[in-house]
Amino acid sequence: FLANASAFIKYISSVAMAVLNTLLLQRWKKGTFVPLTATGANDALNKILTERRKELIFRAVRWSDLRRLNKETQWATTLVRMINNVQYSLAPNNNAYIFPIPVSVINNTGIEQNPR
């Protein structure tokens, strides 16, 4: 449902919201769900992404969402974490988003390593 809603967002935000509401209707106690509405495509995408974060926690889809959406400046997100009083940040489109190719693959194929 969430993938369908994300796909429809570029074309018809009302269809995307209908798909999202179909999913959410199954998540709420009968008679308590109030359908979500969106003021436009950006608002609809924001609601869909919020729901993706809640529904798909610990499934690594946030990473692919960040990579995909960081290409658009309005959705670009800089990740910031504080660990042991040291701040770490990952800017949009940073090469750290790209996984390194295993050394064994490079040795066997001669393929060039991803930039880091």
Protein backbone atom coordinates (compact mmCIF):
# COMPACT_ATOMS: atom_id res chain seq x y z
CA PHE A 1 0.00 0.00 0.00
CA LEU A 2 2.71 2.47 0.93
CA ALA A 3 4.67 1.80 -2.26
CA ASN A 4 1.50 2.31 -4.31
CA ALA A 5 0.73 5.54 -2.49
CA SER A 6 4.28 6.79 -3.10
CA ALA A 7 4.02 5.91 -6.78
CA PHE A 8 0.71 7.71 -7.26
CA ILE A 9 1.92 10.87 -5.55
CA LYS A 10 3.70 12.13 -8.66
CA TYR A 11 0.51 11.90 -10.69
CA ILE A 12 -2.58 12.24 -8.53
CA SER A 13 -2.25 13.08 -4.85
CA SER A 14 -5.93 12.30 -4.18
CA VAL A 15 -5.40 8.70 -5.36
CA ALA A 16 -2.27 8.45 -3.21
CA MET A 17 -4.23 9.60 -0.16
CA ALA A 18 -7.04 7.13 -0.93
CA VAL A 19 -4.50 4.30 -1.02
CA LEU A 20 -2.95 5.49 2.25
CA ASN A 21 -6.37 5.75 3.89
CA THR A 22 -7.21 2.20 2.74
CA LEU A 23 -4.14 0.97 4.60
CA LEU A 24 -4.78 3.05 7.71
CA LEU A 25 -8.40 1.93 7.88
CA GLN A 26 -7.09 -1.58 8.61
CA ARG A 27 -4.82 -0.29 11.39
CA TRP A 28 -7.46 1.47 13.49
CA LYS A 29 -10.25 0.11 15.64
CA LYS A 30 -13.51 0.00 13.66
CA GLY A 31 -15.34 3.29 13.77
CA THR A 32 -12.42 5.34 15.10
CA PHE A 33 -10.42 6.12 11.95
CA VAL A 34 -10.76 9.59 10.44
CA PRO A 35 -9.45 9.64 6.84
CA LEU A 36 -6.41 11.82 6.23
CA THR A 37 -6.55 14.64 3.71
CA ALA A 38 -3.76 16.53 2.00
CA THR A 39 -3.57 20.10 0.79
CA GLY A 40 -1.37 19.14 -2.15
CA ALA A 41 1.20 16.71 -3.47
CA ASN A 42 3.91 17.78 -1.00
CA ASP A 43 1.59 17.43 1.98
CA ALA A 44 0.44 14.02 0.73
CA LEU A 45 4.03 12.83 0.27
CA ASN A 46 4.91 14.05 3.75
CA LYS A 47 2.03 12.03 5.23
CA ILE A 48 2.99 8.93 3.22
CA LEU A 49 6.63 9.18 4.29
CA THR A 50 5.63 9.59 7.93
CA GLU A 51 3.49 6.48 7.70
CA ARG A 52 6.33 4.57 5.96
CA ARG A 53 8.63 5.42 8.87
CA LYS A 54 6.07 4.09 11.36
CA GLU A 55 4.98 0.98 9.43
CA LEU A 56 8.36 -0.13 8.12
CA ILE A 57 10.58 0.54 11.11
CA PHE A 58 13.74 -1.64 11.26
CA ARG A 59 13.39 -2.67 7.60
CA ALA A 60 16.01 -0.28 6.14
CA VAL A 61 13.54 1.49 3.85
CA ARG A 62 14.37 4.83 5.46
CA TRP A 63 17.82 4.60 3.89
CA SER A 64 16.46 4.11 0.37
CA ASP A 65 13.85 6.84 0.94
CA LEU A 66 16.60 9.25 1.98
CA ARG A 67 18.72 8.38 -1.04
CA ARG A 68 15.78 8.80 -3.41
CA LEU A 69 14.38 11.99 -1.87
CA ASN A 70 17.73 13.71 -1.27
CA LYS A 71 17.93 14.27 -5.02
CA GLU A 72 15.10 16.79 -4.67
CA THR A 73 16.13 19.88 -2.71
CA GLN A 74 12.75 20.32 -1.00
CA TRP A 75 13.04 16.84 0.57
CA ALA A 76 16.81 16.86 1.21
CA THR A 77 17.61 15.83 4.77
CA THR A 78 20.87 16.07 6.67
CA LEU A 79 21.13 13.33 9.27
CA VAL A 80 22.76 14.43 12.52
CA ARG A 81 23.60 12.17 15.44
CA MET A 82 25.41 12.89 18.70
CA ILE A 83 27.46 9.95 20.01
CA ASN A 84 29.70 10.35 23.07
CA ASN A 85 29.52 14.13 22.71
CA VAL A 86 30.75 13.94 19.11
CA GLN A 87 28.41 15.16 16.40
CA TYR A 88 28.24 13.13 13.19
CA SER A 89 26.35 14.36 10.15
CA LEU A 90 25.50 12.93 6.76
CA ALA A 91 24.64 15.58 4.18
CA PRO A 92 22.30 14.91 1.24
CA ASN A 93 23.97 13.13 -1.69
CA ASN A 94 27.12 12.46 0.32
CA ASN A 95 29.22 9.57 -1.01
CA ALA A 96 28.81 7.85 2.35
CA TYR A 97 25.30 6.86 1.16
CA ILE A 98 26.98 4.56 -1.38
CA PHE A 99 27.94 1.14 -0.13
CA PRO A 100 31.48 0.00 -0.95
CA ILE A 101 31.87 -2.84 -3.40
CA PRO A 102 33.41 -5.90 -1.71
CA VAL A 103 37.14 -6.34 -2.36
CA SER A 104 36.55 -9.88 -3.66
CA VAL A 105 34.24 -8.52 -6.38
CA ILE A 106 36.78 -5.86 -7.34
CA ASN A 107 39.55 -8.48 -7.50
CA ASN A 108 37.46 -10.87 -9.60
CA THR A 109 35.95 -8.35 -12.02
CA GLY A 110 38.22 -5.32 -12.05
CA ILE A 111 35.23 -3.08 -11.37
CA GLU A 112 36.10 0.32 -9.93
CA GLN A 113 35.36 0.95 -6.23
CA ASN A 114 32.51 3.32 -5.43
CA PRO A 115 33.71 6.78 -4.35
CA ARG A 116 33.89 7.31 -0.59
